[in-house]
Amino acid sequence: MALADTYGISGADRAPWSTILYAVSAAALVCALALAGVTATRNRRRPTFGRS
């Protein structure tokens, strides 16, 4: 924020490729959530063979 305060700018994203960055970030979040779900499902289905 110091840069925005110094130069009197809003600090908003002005890059023309910001939409691509947001899309890649959203895709990474979806993949991370899917991977977490798959991992949790596999761990739940795996037999423990007497271990807790």
N, C-alpha and C. Protein backbone atom coordinates (compact mmCIF):
# COMPACT_ATOMS: atom_id res chain seq x y z
N MET A 1 0.82 -1.19 0.00
CA MET A 1 0.00 0.00 0.00
C MET A 1 0.86 1.25 0.00
N ALA A 2 2.09 1.17 0.44
CA ALA A 2 2.94 2.35 0.48
C ALA A 2 3.09 2.95 -0.91
N LEU A 3 3.19 2.11 -1.92
CA LEU A 3 3.30 2.59 -3.29
C LEU A 3 2.04 3.33 -3.71
N ALA A 4 0.90 2.81 -3.36
CA ALA A 4 -0.37 3.45 -3.71
C ALA A 4 -0.52 4.77 -2.97
N ASP A 5 -0.09 4.82 -1.72
CA ASP A 5 -0.17 6.07 -0.96
C ASP A 5 0.79 7.11 -1.49
N THR A 6 1.99 6.68 -1.88
CA THR A 6 3.00 7.62 -2.35
C THR A 6 2.62 8.26 -3.66
N TYR A 7 2.14 7.47 -4.61
CA TYR A 7 1.86 7.97 -5.94
C TYR A 7 0.39 8.30 -6.18
N GLY A 8 -0.44 8.16 -5.18
CA GLY A 8 -1.84 8.53 -5.31
C GLY A 8 -2.60 7.64 -6.29
N ILE A 9 -2.26 6.37 -6.31
CA ILE A 9 -2.95 5.43 -7.19
C ILE A 9 -3.82 4.52 -6.34
N SER A 10 -4.73 3.80 -6.98
CA SER A 10 -5.65 2.97 -6.22
C SER A 10 -5.04 1.64 -5.82
N GLY A 11 -4.00 1.21 -6.50
CA GLY A 11 -3.39 -0.07 -6.19
C GLY A 11 -4.09 -1.23 -6.87
N ALA A 12 -5.07 -0.94 -7.72
CA ALA A 12 -5.79 -2.01 -8.42
C ALA A 12 -4.90 -2.62 -9.51
N ASP A 13 -5.25 -3.81 -9.91
CA ASP A 13 -4.51 -4.51 -10.94
C ASP A 13 -4.79 -3.88 -12.30
N ARG A 14 -3.74 -3.45 -12.98
CA ARG A 14 -3.92 -2.80 -14.28
C ARG A 14 -3.31 -3.61 -15.42
N ALA A 15 -2.85 -4.81 -15.15
CA ALA A 15 -2.20 -5.62 -16.17
C ALA A 15 -3.25 -6.14 -17.16
N PRO A 16 -2.93 -6.12 -18.45
CA PRO A 16 -3.89 -6.63 -19.44
C PRO A 16 -4.06 -8.15 -19.35
N TRP A 17 -3.11 -8.83 -18.77
CA TRP A 17 -3.19 -10.29 -18.66
C TRP A 17 -3.72 -10.74 -17.30
N SER A 18 -4.31 -9.83 -16.54
CA SER A 18 -4.78 -10.18 -15.21
C SER A 18 -5.87 -11.25 -15.25
N THR A 19 -6.69 -11.25 -16.29
CA THR A 19 -7.74 -12.26 -16.40
C THR A 19 -7.14 -13.65 -16.51
N ILE A 20 -6.04 -13.76 -17.24
CA ILE A 20 -5.36 -15.06 -17.38
C ILE A 20 -4.79 -15.49 -16.03
N LEU A 21 -4.20 -14.55 -15.30
CA LEU A 21 -3.65 -14.88 -13.98
C LEU A 21 -4.75 -15.35 -13.03
N TYR A 22 -5.89 -14.66 -13.05
CA TYR A 22 -7.00 -15.06 -12.20
C TYR A 22 -7.53 -16.44 -12.61
N ALA A 23 -7.59 -16.72 -13.89
CA ALA A 23 -8.08 -18.03 -14.35
C ALA A 23 -7.13 -19.14 -13.94
N VAL A 24 -5.83 -18.91 -14.07
CA VAL A 24 -4.85 -19.92 -13.67
C VAL A 24 -4.91 -20.14 -12.16
N SER A 25 -5.05 -19.08 -11.40
CA SER A 25 -5.17 -19.22 -9.94
C SER A 25 -6.43 -19.99 -9.56
N ALA A 26 -7.53 -19.71 -10.23
CA ALA A 26 -8.78 -20.43 -9.94
C ALA A 26 -8.65 -21.90 -10.31
N ALA A 27 -8.00 -22.19 -11.44
CA ALA A 27 -7.80 -23.58 -11.85
C ALA A 27 -6.90 -24.31 -10.86
N ALA A 28 -5.88 -23.64 -10.35
CA ALA A 28 -5.00 -24.25 -9.36
C ALA A 28 -5.76 -24.54 -8.06
N LEU A 29 -6.64 -23.65 -7.68
CA LEU A 29 -7.45 -23.87 -6.47
C LEU A 29 -8.37 -25.07 -6.66
N VAL A 30 -9.01 -25.16 -7.81
CA VAL A 30 -9.91 -26.30 -8.09
C VAL A 30 -9.11 -27.60 -8.08
N CYS A 31 -7.94 -27.61 -8.68
CA CYS A 31 -7.11 -28.82 -8.70
C CYS A 31 -6.66 -29.20 -7.29
N ALA A 32 -6.29 -28.21 -6.49
CA ALA A 32 -5.87 -28.50 -5.12
C ALA A 32 -7.01 -29.09 -4.29
N LEU A 33 -8.20 -28.54 -4.46
CA LEU A 33 -9.36 -29.07 -3.74
C LEU A 33 -9.72 -30.48 -4.22
N ALA A 34 -9.61 -30.71 -5.53
CA ALA A 34 -9.90 -32.04 -6.06
C ALA A 34 -8.87 -33.05 -5.56
N LEU A 35 -7.62 -32.67 -5.54
CA LEU A 35 -6.57 -33.56 -5.04
C LEU A 35 -6.77 -33.88 -3.57
N ALA A 36 -7.16 -32.88 -2.80
CA ALA A 36 -7.45 -33.12 -1.38
C ALA A 36 -8.62 -34.07 -1.21
N GLY A 37 -9.65 -33.91 -2.03
CA GLY A 37 -10.80 -34.80 -1.95
C GLY A 37 -10.46 -36.22 -2.34
N VAL A 38 -9.67 -36.39 -3.40
CA VAL A 38 -9.26 -37.74 -3.83
C VAL A 38 -8.40 -38.39 -2.76
N THR A 39 -7.48 -37.63 -2.19
CA THR A 39 -6.62 -38.17 -1.14
C THR A 39 -7.43 -38.59 0.08
N ALA A 40 -8.38 -37.76 0.48
CA ALA A 40 -9.22 -38.10 1.64
C ALA A 40 -10.06 -39.33 1.35
N THR A 41 -10.58 -39.46 0.13
CA THR A 41 -11.38 -40.62 -0.23
C THR A 41 -10.54 -41.89 -0.24
N ARG A 42 -9.36 -41.82 -0.79
CA ARG A 42 -8.49 -43.00 -0.82
C ARG A 42 -8.07 -43.42 0.58
N ASN A 43 -7.77 -42.46 1.44
CA ASN A 43 -7.36 -42.78 2.80
C ASN A 43 -8.52 -43.37 3.59
N ARG A 44 -9.73 -42.96 3.29
CA ARG A 44 -10.88 -43.49 4.01
C ARG A 44 -11.20 -44.91 3.58
N ARG A 45 -10.98 -45.24 2.32
CA ARG A 45 -11.31 -46.56 1.80
C ARG A 45 -10.23 -47.59 2.06
N ARG A 46 -9.01 -47.16 2.32
CA ARG A 46 -7.90 -48.08 2.50
C ARG A 46 -8.06 -48.86 3.80
N PRO A 47 -7.95 -50.19 3.75
CA PRO A 47 -8.05 -50.98 4.99
C PRO A 47 -6.84 -50.71 5.87
N THR A 48 -7.06 -50.71 7.19
CA THR A 48 -5.97 -50.38 8.12
C THR A 48 -5.25 -51.64 8.61
N PHE A 49 -5.85 -52.81 8.45
CA PHE A 49 -5.25 -54.06 8.90
C PHE A 49 -4.87 -54.03 10.38
N GLY A 50 -5.79 -53.51 11.21
CA GLY A 50 -5.59 -53.52 12.64
C GLY A 50 -4.85 -52.32 13.17
N ARG A 51 -4.36 -51.46 12.31
CA ARG A 51 -3.67 -50.25 12.80
C ARG A 51 -4.70 -49.14 12.93
N SER A 52 -4.44 -48.24 13.89
CA SER A 52 -5.38 -47.13 14.06
C SER A 52 -4.89 -45.87 13.41
